[in-house]
Amino acid sequence: MSPLATVTRGLVLLTLLSAGDSGTSSARTFRSSANNGSAKHQRITIRVRNGKTGFPIWLASPIVYVGKVDVQHMDEARRKTVLWNDAHINVQGADPRRVTVVVELVDRDCRDAASDGSLSATSEFDLDLVLSKGVVAPNLCSSKTQKPEPGVITLYVLPETIKELWNR
């Protein structure tokens, strides 16, 4: 089996496995009292950046859920993203006004000080805060960061190496 087929198969399996878990055990909740975003900004962007360099991670595979995330509403809440580049998500009509992001294929989440290699942590963000001010997650892997932009969520992670992906 070619390396690309192996990675693709692993992505599909990870996606299926993560779809069955509500993520409540490792959920981190970020709440805000910001007012509702204007109706003209009903699209958000999820940026996944390398925690060491600050450069984009093209094979980040973010999994994004908008609104209510539980086992009964999982399919309705999930939004399709591409495997490469930034994820652009339509959030119009989200109820409740929140977005949940899970990043796959990473070695470490730079929001955590622990280096045990665990990730796929769930992050829940208030849509109104994202639309009005933007959110930049803390980067504990280096000093690389950026200013928040309205409508943008920026997450910092360390990607898995080719060897780690191959051995999955």
N, C-alpha and C. Protein backbone atom coordinates (compact mmCIF):
# COMPACT_ATOMS: atom_id res chain seq x y z
N MET A 1 0.86 -1.18 0.00
CA MET A 1 0.00 0.00 0.00
C MET A 1 0.90 1.23 0.00
N SER A 2 0.58 2.19 -0.83
CA SER A 2 1.40 3.40 -0.94
C SER A 2 1.25 4.26 0.32
N PRO A 3 2.25 5.11 0.59
CA PRO A 3 2.16 5.99 1.77
C PRO A 3 0.95 6.91 1.73
N LEU A 4 0.61 7.42 0.54
CA LEU A 4 -0.55 8.30 0.42
C LEU A 4 -1.84 7.56 0.77
N ALA A 5 -1.96 6.32 0.30
CA ALA A 5 -3.16 5.53 0.61
C ALA A 5 -3.24 5.25 2.11
N THR A 6 -2.08 4.99 2.73
CA THR A 6 -2.06 4.73 4.17
C THR A 6 -2.50 5.96 4.95
N VAL A 7 -1.97 7.12 4.57
CA VAL A 7 -2.34 8.37 5.26
C VAL A 7 -3.81 8.66 5.05
N THR A 8 -4.31 8.48 3.83
CA THR A 8 -5.72 8.72 3.55
C THR A 8 -6.60 7.78 4.37
N ARG A 9 -6.23 6.50 4.42
CA ARG A 9 -7.00 5.54 5.22
C ARG A 9 -6.99 5.93 6.69
N GLY A 10 -5.83 6.38 7.18
CA GLY A 10 -5.74 6.82 8.57
C GLY A 10 -6.62 8.02 8.85
N LEU A 11 -6.67 8.95 7.90
CA LEU A 11 -7.54 10.13 8.05
C LEU A 11 -9.00 9.73 8.15
N VAL A 12 -9.41 8.82 7.29
CA VAL A 12 -10.80 8.38 7.31
C VAL A 12 -11.12 7.71 8.63
N LEU A 13 -10.23 6.84 9.10
CA LEU A 13 -10.46 6.17 10.38
C LEU A 13 -10.50 7.16 11.54
N LEU A 14 -9.58 8.12 11.55
CA LEU A 14 -9.59 9.12 12.62
C LEU A 14 -10.87 9.94 12.61
N THR A 15 -11.32 10.27 11.42
CA THR A 15 -12.55 11.05 11.30
C THR A 15 -13.73 10.26 11.83
N LEU A 16 -13.80 8.99 11.47
CA LEU A 16 -14.91 8.16 11.94
C LEU A 16 -14.85 7.96 13.44
N LEU A 17 -13.64 7.74 13.97
CA LEU A 17 -13.51 7.55 15.41
C LEU A 17 -13.86 8.81 16.18
N SER A 18 -13.42 9.95 15.67
CA SER A 18 -13.70 11.20 16.38
C SER A 18 -15.16 11.59 16.28
N ALA A 19 -15.86 11.13 15.26
CA ALA A 19 -17.28 11.47 15.11
C ALA A 19 -18.13 10.78 16.17
N GLY A 20 -17.65 9.68 16.73
CA GLY A 20 -18.44 8.96 17.72
C GLY A 20 -18.25 9.48 19.13
N ASP A 21 -17.32 10.39 19.34
CA ASP A 21 -17.03 10.91 20.68
C ASP A 21 -17.51 12.35 20.77
N SER A 22 -18.25 12.66 21.79
CA SER A 22 -18.76 14.03 21.93
C SER A 22 -17.67 14.99 22.37
N GLY A 23 -16.52 14.47 22.84
CA GLY A 23 -15.42 15.33 23.22
C GLY A 23 -15.61 16.03 24.55
N THR A 24 -16.59 15.61 25.35
CA THR A 24 -16.86 16.32 26.59
C THR A 24 -15.78 16.08 27.64
N SER A 25 -15.07 14.95 27.57
CA SER A 25 -14.09 14.67 28.59
C SER A 25 -12.88 15.60 28.52
N SER A 26 -12.51 16.02 27.32
CA SER A 26 -11.34 16.89 27.20
C SER A 26 -11.72 18.27 26.68
N ALA A 27 -12.95 18.63 26.84
CA ALA A 27 -13.41 19.91 26.27
C ALA A 27 -12.85 21.08 27.06
N ARG A 28 -12.41 22.06 26.30
CA ARG A 28 -12.01 23.33 26.90
C ARG A 28 -12.99 24.36 26.40
N THR A 29 -13.57 25.08 27.29
CA THR A 29 -14.60 26.03 26.89
C THR A 29 -14.09 27.45 27.05
N PHE A 30 -14.25 28.22 26.00
CA PHE A 30 -13.89 29.64 26.01
C PHE A 30 -15.18 30.40 25.78
N ARG A 31 -15.61 31.16 26.74
CA ARG A 31 -16.88 31.87 26.64
C ARG A 31 -16.64 33.37 26.65
N SER A 32 -17.59 34.09 26.10
CA SER A 32 -17.49 35.54 26.04
C SER A 32 -18.86 36.15 26.19
N SER A 33 -18.89 37.39 26.63
CA SER A 33 -20.17 38.09 26.72
C SER A 33 -20.31 39.07 25.57
N ALA A 34 -19.60 38.83 24.47
CA ALA A 34 -19.67 39.73 23.31
C ALA A 34 -21.05 39.70 22.69
N ASN A 35 -21.42 40.80 22.07
CA ASN A 35 -22.71 40.88 21.39
C ASN A 35 -22.69 40.06 20.11
N ASN A 36 -23.88 39.78 19.58
CA ASN A 36 -23.98 39.01 18.35
C ASN A 36 -23.25 39.71 17.22
N GLY A 37 -22.58 38.91 16.36
CA GLY A 37 -21.92 39.47 15.19
C GLY A 37 -22.96 39.92 14.19
N SER A 38 -22.59 40.82 13.33
CA SER A 38 -23.54 41.33 12.35
C SER A 38 -23.88 40.25 11.33
N ALA A 39 -25.04 40.39 10.70
CA ALA A 39 -25.52 39.38 9.77
C ALA A 39 -24.63 39.27 8.54
N LYS A 40 -23.89 40.33 8.19
CA LYS A 40 -23.06 40.27 7.00
C LYS A 40 -21.82 39.40 7.19
N HIS A 41 -21.41 39.12 8.42
CA HIS A 41 -20.25 38.29 8.70
C HIS A 41 -20.71 36.93 9.23
N GLN A 42 -21.19 36.08 8.36
CA GLN A 42 -21.64 34.77 8.81
C GLN A 42 -20.71 33.66 8.33
N ARG A 43 -19.48 34.01 8.06
CA ARG A 43 -18.48 33.05 7.62
C ARG A 43 -17.24 33.24 8.48
N ILE A 44 -16.69 32.13 8.99
CA ILE A 44 -15.47 32.22 9.77
C ILE A 44 -14.37 31.41 9.09
N THR A 45 -13.14 31.70 9.49
CA THR A 45 -11.98 30.99 8.96
C THR A 45 -11.24 30.34 10.12
N ILE A 46 -10.87 29.07 9.95
CA ILE A 46 -10.07 28.36 10.95
C ILE A 46 -8.66 28.25 10.37
N ARG A 47 -7.69 28.85 11.04
CA ARG A 47 -6.30 28.77 10.62
C ARG A 47 -5.53 27.88 11.58
N VAL A 48 -4.83 26.91 11.05
CA VAL A 48 -3.98 26.04 11.86
C VAL A 48 -2.54 26.35 11.47
N ARG A 49 -1.75 26.75 12.47
CA ARG A 49 -0.38 27.19 12.24
C ARG A 49 0.61 26.32 13.01
N ASN A 50 1.82 26.21 12.47
CA ASN A 50 2.90 25.49 13.13
C ASN A 50 3.33 26.30 14.35
N GLY A 51 3.33 25.68 15.52
CA GLY A 51 3.65 26.38 16.75
C GLY A 51 5.09 26.85 16.83
N LYS A 52 6.01 26.21 16.12
CA LYS A 52 7.42 26.62 16.14
C LYS A 52 7.70 27.73 15.14
N THR A 53 7.14 27.62 13.92
CA THR A 53 7.48 28.56 12.85
C THR A 53 6.42 29.63 12.62
N GLY A 54 5.19 29.34 12.97
CA GLY A 54 4.09 30.26 12.69
C GLY A 54 3.54 30.13 11.28
N PHE A 55 4.13 29.23 10.47
CA PHE A 55 3.67 29.03 9.09
C PHE A 55 2.43 28.14 9.05
N PRO A 56 1.64 28.24 7.99
CA PRO A 56 0.45 27.38 7.86
C PRO A 56 0.83 25.90 7.79
N ILE A 57 -0.04 25.07 8.34
CA ILE A 57 0.10 23.62 8.21
C ILE A 57 -0.93 23.19 7.18
N TRP A 58 -0.46 22.74 6.03
CA TRP A 58 -1.36 22.49 4.90
C TRP A 58 -2.18 21.23 5.08
N LEU A 59 -1.69 20.24 5.81
CA LEU A 59 -2.45 19.00 6.01
C LEU A 59 -2.95 18.92 7.44
N ALA A 60 -3.61 19.95 7.90
CA ALA A 60 -4.04 20.04 9.30
C ALA A 60 -5.30 19.25 9.58
N SER A 61 -6.19 19.14 8.64
CA SER A 61 -7.43 18.39 8.78
C SER A 61 -8.28 18.82 9.97
N PRO A 62 -8.68 20.09 10.05
CA PRO A 62 -9.56 20.48 11.16
C PRO A 62 -10.96 19.91 10.98
N ILE A 63 -11.52 19.46 12.08
CA ILE A 63 -12.90 18.98 12.09
C ILE A 63 -13.70 20.03 12.84
N VAL A 64 -14.73 20.58 12.21
CA VAL A 64 -15.45 21.72 12.76
C VAL A 64 -16.92 21.38 12.95
N TYR A 65 -17.43 21.67 14.14
CA TYR A 65 -18.85 21.49 14.45
C TYR A 65 -19.42 22.85 14.81
N VAL A 66 -20.57 23.17 14.26
CA VAL A 66 -21.23 24.45 14.52
C VAL A 66 -22.54 24.20 15.23
N GLY A 67 -22.79 24.94 16.31
CA GLY A 67 -24.03 24.80 17.06
C GLY A 67 -23.95 23.70 18.10
N LYS A 68 -25.05 22.98 18.28
CA LYS A 68 -25.14 21.95 19.30
C LYS A 68 -24.37 20.71 18.88
N VAL A 69 -23.46 20.28 19.75
CA VAL A 69 -22.65 19.10 19.45
C VAL A 69 -22.96 18.04 20.50
N ASP A 70 -23.74 17.06 20.12
CA ASP A 70 -23.96 15.88 20.93
C ASP A 70 -24.19 14.71 19.98
N VAL A 71 -24.29 13.53 20.51
CA VAL A 71 -24.38 12.33 19.68
C VAL A 71 -25.58 12.38 18.74
N GLN A 72 -26.71 12.91 19.18
CA GLN A 72 -27.91 12.95 18.35
C GLN A 72 -27.80 13.96 17.21
N HIS A 73 -27.02 15.02 17.37
CA HIS A 73 -26.95 16.09 16.37
C HIS A 73 -25.58 16.19 15.70
N MET A 74 -24.76 15.15 15.80
CA MET A 74 -23.39 15.20 15.30
C MET A 74 -23.33 15.50 13.79
N ASP A 75 -24.13 14.79 13.01
CA ASP A 75 -24.08 14.99 11.55
C ASP A 75 -24.58 16.36 11.14
N GLU A 76 -25.59 16.87 11.83
CA GLU A 76 -26.12 18.20 11.51
C GLU A 76 -25.12 19.30 11.85
N ALA A 77 -24.33 19.10 12.90
CA ALA A 77 -23.41 20.13 13.37
C ALA A 77 -22.09 20.14 12.61
N ARG A 78 -21.70 19.02 12.02
CA ARG A 78 -20.39 18.94 11.36
C ARG A 78 -20.38 19.73 10.05
N ARG A 79 -19.30 20.46 9.84
CA ARG A 79 -19.11 21.23 8.61
C ARG A 79 -17.94 20.65 7.84
N LYS A 80 -18.11 20.54 6.55
CA LYS A 80 -17.08 19.97 5.70
C LYS A 80 -15.92 20.95 5.56
N THR A 81 -14.69 20.43 5.71
CA THR A 81 -13.49 21.23 5.48
C THR A 81 -12.61 20.47 4.50
N VAL A 82 -11.64 21.17 3.94
CA VAL A 82 -10.68 20.52 3.06
C VAL A 82 -9.48 20.09 3.88
N LEU A 83 -8.73 19.13 3.36
CA LEU A 83 -7.57 18.61 4.07
C LEU A 83 -6.42 19.62 4.10
N TRP A 84 -6.37 20.51 3.15
CA TRP A 84 -5.28 21.47 3.05
C TRP A 84 -5.82 22.89 3.20
N ASN A 85 -4.92 23.79 3.53
CA ASN A 85 -5.22 25.21 3.63
C ASN A 85 -6.17 25.53 4.79
N ASP A 86 -6.60 26.79 4.88
CA ASP A 86 -7.50 27.23 5.94
C ASP A 86 -8.90 26.72 5.68
N ALA A 87 -9.65 26.49 6.76
CA ALA A 87 -11.04 26.05 6.64
C ALA A 87 -11.95 27.27 6.68
N HIS A 88 -12.84 27.39 5.72
CA HIS A 88 -13.81 28.49 5.66
C HIS A 88 -15.19 27.89 5.93
N ILE A 89 -15.84 28.35 7.00
CA ILE A 89 -17.06 27.72 7.49
C ILE A 89 -18.21 28.72 7.50
N ASN A 90 -19.36 28.30 6.98
CA ASN A 90 -20.58 29.09 7.05
C ASN A 90 -21.24 28.82 8.40
N VAL A 91 -21.45 29.86 9.19
CA VAL A 91 -22.02 29.70 10.53
C VAL A 91 -23.39 30.35 10.66
N GLN A 92 -23.98 30.70 9.54
CA GLN A 92 -25.30 31.34 9.57
C GLN A 92 -26.33 30.39 10.18
N GLY A 93 -27.12 30.90 11.10
CA GLY A 93 -28.18 30.13 11.72
C GLY A 93 -27.71 29.18 12.81
N ALA A 94 -26.48 29.30 13.27
CA ALA A 94 -25.97 28.42 14.32
C ALA A 94 -26.73 28.65 15.62
N ASP A 95 -27.21 27.56 16.21
CA ASP A 95 -27.93 27.65 17.47
C ASP A 95 -27.58 26.43 18.31
N PRO A 96 -26.90 26.58 19.43
CA PRO A 96 -26.41 27.80 20.06
C PRO A 96 -25.23 28.39 19.29
N ARG A 97 -24.88 29.62 19.62
CA ARG A 97 -23.86 30.37 18.89
C ARG A 97 -22.46 29.95 19.36
N ARG A 98 -22.04 28.77 18.92
CA ARG A 98 -20.70 28.30 19.26
C ARG A 98 -20.15 27.43 18.13
N VAL A 99 -18.85 27.31 18.11
CA VAL A 99 -18.16 26.48 17.13
C VAL A 99 -17.13 25.64 17.88
N THR A 100 -17.05 24.36 17.54
CA THR A 100 -16.13 23.43 18.17
C THR A 100 -15.13 22.97 17.12
N VAL A 101 -13.84 23.01 17.46
CA VAL A 101 -12.79 22.65 16.51
C VAL A 101 -11.93 21.54 17.09
N VAL A 102 -11.70 20.50 16.29
CA VAL A 102 -10.79 19.41 16.62
C VAL A 102 -9.76 19.36 15.50
N VAL A 103 -8.48 19.34 15.85
CA VAL A 103 -7.42 19.28 14.84
C VAL A 103 -6.79 17.90 14.89
N GLU A 104 -6.74 17.24 13.73
CA GLU A 104 -6.16 15.90 13.63
C GLU A 104 -4.77 15.98 13.04
N LEU A 105 -4.05 14.88 13.09
CA LEU A 105 -2.71 14.74 12.50
C LEU A 105 -1.70 15.69 13.10
N VAL A 106 -1.75 15.87 14.41
CA VAL A 106 -0.78 16.73 15.07
C VAL A 106 -0.09 15.97 16.19
N ASP A 107 1.15 16.38 16.49
CA ASP A 107 1.93 15.76 17.53
C ASP A 107 1.65 16.40 18.88
N ARG A 108 1.45 17.72 18.87
CA ARG A 108 1.24 18.43 20.13
C ARG A 108 0.39 19.67 19.91
N ASP A 109 -0.48 19.92 20.85
CA ASP A 109 -1.29 21.13 20.87
C ASP A 109 -0.51 22.18 21.65
N CYS A 110 -0.22 23.29 21.03
CA CYS A 110 0.62 24.32 21.66
C CYS A 110 -0.13 25.14 22.71
N ARG A 111 -1.39 24.84 22.96
CA ARG A 111 -2.11 25.49 24.06
C ARG A 111 -1.82 24.80 25.37
N ASP A 112 -1.26 23.59 25.31
CA ASP A 112 -0.97 22.80 26.51
C ASP A 112 0.51 22.85 26.84
N ALA A 113 0.82 22.98 28.11
CA ALA A 113 2.21 22.96 28.54
C ALA A 113 2.74 21.53 28.58
N ALA A 114 1.85 20.55 28.74
CA ALA A 114 2.26 19.15 28.81
C ALA A 114 2.79 18.70 27.46
N SER A 115 3.80 17.85 27.48
CA SER A 115 4.37 17.36 26.23
C SER A 115 4.20 15.85 26.12
N ASP A 116 3.08 15.34 26.57
CA ASP A 116 2.85 13.89 26.54
C ASP A 116 2.39 13.41 25.16
N GLY A 117 2.30 14.31 24.20
CA GLY A 117 1.93 13.93 22.84
C GLY A 117 0.44 13.81 22.63
N SER A 118 -0.36 14.01 23.67
CA SER A 118 -1.80 13.87 23.50
C SER A 118 -2.36 15.10 22.82
N LEU A 119 -3.34 14.87 21.96
CA LEU A 119 -4.01 16.00 21.33
C LEU A 119 -5.41 15.60 20.96
N SER A 120 -5.87 16.15 19.88
CA SER A 120 -7.25 16.03 19.45
C SER A 120 -8.15 16.57 20.54
N ALA A 121 -7.65 17.54 21.29
CA ALA A 121 -8.47 18.18 22.30
C ALA A 121 -9.53 19.03 21.62
N THR A 122 -10.66 19.07 22.24
CA THR A 122 -11.77 19.82 21.67
C THR A 122 -11.74 21.24 22.20
N SER A 123 -11.93 22.19 21.31
CA SER A 123 -11.98 23.59 21.70
C SER A 123 -13.32 24.15 21.28
N GLU A 124 -14.00 24.77 22.20
CA GLU A 124 -15.30 25.38 21.91
C GLU A 124 -15.14 26.89 22.01
N PHE A 125 -15.58 27.59 20.97
CA PHE A 125 -15.44 29.04 20.90
C PHE A 125 -16.80 29.69 20.72
N ASP A 126 -16.97 30.85 21.32
CA ASP A 126 -18.19 31.63 21.18
C ASP A 126 -18.18 32.30 19.80
N LEU A 127 -19.19 32.02 18.98
CA LEU A 127 -19.24 32.56 17.62
C LEU A 127 -19.29 34.08 17.60
N ASP A 128 -19.99 34.67 18.53
CA ASP A 128 -20.10 36.13 18.55
C ASP A 128 -18.74 36.79 18.80
N LEU A 129 -17.93 36.18 19.68
CA LEU A 129 -16.58 36.69 19.92
C LEU A 129 -15.71 36.51 18.68
N VAL A 130 -15.80 35.35 18.05
CA VAL A 130 -15.01 35.09 16.84
C VAL A 130 -15.36 36.09 15.75
N LEU A 131 -16.66 36.31 15.53
CA LEU A 131 -17.10 37.21 14.47
C LEU A 131 -16.74 38.67 14.75
N SER A 132 -16.80 39.07 16.02
CA SER A 132 -16.55 40.48 16.33
C SER A 132 -15.07 40.82 16.51
N LYS A 133 -14.31 39.93 17.16
CA LYS A 133 -12.91 40.25 17.47
C LYS A 133 -11.92 39.25 16.92
N GLY A 134 -12.32 37.99 16.78
CA GLY A 134 -11.39 36.94 16.39
C GLY A 134 -10.77 36.30 17.62
N VAL A 135 -10.19 35.12 17.44
CA VAL A 135 -9.57 34.39 18.54
C VAL A 135 -8.22 33.86 18.08
N VAL A 136 -7.19 34.09 18.88
CA VAL A 136 -5.88 33.49 18.66
C VAL A 136 -5.56 32.69 19.91
N ALA A 137 -5.40 31.38 19.74
CA ALA A 137 -5.10 30.51 20.88
C ALA A 137 -3.68 30.78 21.37
N PRO A 138 -3.42 30.56 22.66
CA PRO A 138 -2.07 30.75 23.17
C PRO A 138 -1.10 29.78 22.49
N ASN A 139 0.15 30.22 22.32
CA ASN A 139 1.18 29.38 21.71
C ASN A 139 2.28 29.15 22.73
N LEU A 140 2.27 27.99 23.39
CA LEU A 140 3.29 27.67 24.38
C LEU A 140 4.49 26.95 23.77
N CYS A 141 4.50 26.77 22.45
CA CYS A 141 5.61 26.11 21.77
C CYS A 141 6.71 27.09 21.36
N SER A 142 6.37 28.34 21.18
CA SER A 142 7.35 29.37 20.82
C SER A 142 6.71 30.74 21.04
N SER A 143 7.43 31.77 20.63
CA SER A 143 6.90 33.13 20.78
C SER A 143 6.11 33.57 19.56
N LYS A 144 5.99 32.73 18.55
CA LYS A 144 5.25 33.09 17.33
C LYS A 144 3.77 33.23 17.64
N THR A 145 3.20 34.32 17.22
CA THR A 145 1.76 34.55 17.39
C THR A 145 1.33 35.63 16.41
N GLN A 146 0.08 35.95 16.42
CA GLN A 146 -0.42 37.03 15.57
C GLN A 146 -1.57 37.71 16.27
N LYS A 147 -1.98 38.85 15.75
CA LYS A 147 -3.09 39.59 16.33
C LYS A 147 -4.40 38.97 15.87
N PRO A 148 -5.42 39.00 16.73
CA PRO A 148 -6.73 38.46 16.33
C PRO A 148 -7.33 39.28 15.19
N GLU A 149 -8.02 38.60 14.29
CA GLU A 149 -8.74 39.23 13.19
C GLU A 149 -10.20 38.84 13.30
N PRO A 150 -11.13 39.75 13.10
CA PRO A 150 -12.55 39.40 13.15
C PRO A 150 -12.88 38.27 12.18
N GLY A 151 -13.59 37.27 12.69
CA GLY A 151 -14.01 36.15 11.86
C GLY A 151 -12.98 35.05 11.70
N VAL A 152 -11.87 35.11 12.46
CA VAL A 152 -10.79 34.13 12.29
C VAL A 152 -10.44 33.49 13.63
N ILE A 153 -10.32 32.15 13.63
CA ILE A 153 -9.79 31.40 14.77
C ILE A 153 -8.43 30.88 14.35
N THR A 154 -7.38 31.20 15.12
CA THR A 154 -6.03 30.72 14.82
C THR A 154 -5.59 29.79 15.94
N LEU A 155 -5.19 28.57 15.57
CA LEU A 155 -4.72 27.56 16.51
C LEU A 155 -3.27 27.21 16.18
N TYR A 156 -2.45 26.97 17.20
CA TYR A 156 -1.06 26.59 17.01
C TYR A 156 -0.86 25.16 17.47
N VAL A 157 -0.24 24.35 16.60
CA VAL A 157 0.03 22.95 16.89
C VAL A 157 1.40 22.59 16.32
N LEU A 158 1.92 21.44 16.74
CA LEU A 158 3.12 20.88 16.12
C LEU A 158 2.67 19.68 15.29
N PRO A 159 2.95 19.68 13.98
CA PRO A 159 2.48 18.60 13.12
C PRO A 159 3.24 17.30 13.38
N GLU A 160 2.59 16.19 13.05
CA GLU A 160 3.27 14.90 13.11
C GLU A 160 4.28 14.82 11.98
N THR A 161 5.36 14.09 12.23
CA THR A 161 6.35 13.88 11.18
C THR A 161 5.85 12.81 10.22
N ILE A 162 6.52 12.70 9.08
CA ILE A 162 6.16 11.67 8.10
C ILE A 162 6.28 10.29 8.74
N LYS A 163 7.31 10.09 9.56
CA LYS A 163 7.51 8.79 10.22
C LYS A 163 6.34 8.49 11.16
N GLU A 164 5.89 9.48 11.92
CA GLU A 164 4.76 9.27 12.83
C GLU A 164 3.49 8.95 12.06
N LEU A 165 3.27 9.65 10.95
CA LEU A 165 2.10 9.36 10.12
C LEU A 165 2.18 7.96 9.53
N TRP A 166 3.37 7.58 9.10
CA TRP A 166 3.57 6.27 8.48
C TRP A 166 3.28 5.14 9.47
N ASN A 167 3.67 5.33 10.74
CA ASN A 167 3.53 4.28 11.75
C ASN A 167 2.16 4.23 12.40
N ARG A 168 1.23 5.02 11.96
CA ARG A 168 -0.12 5.00 12.53
C ARG A 168 -0.78 3.68 12.28
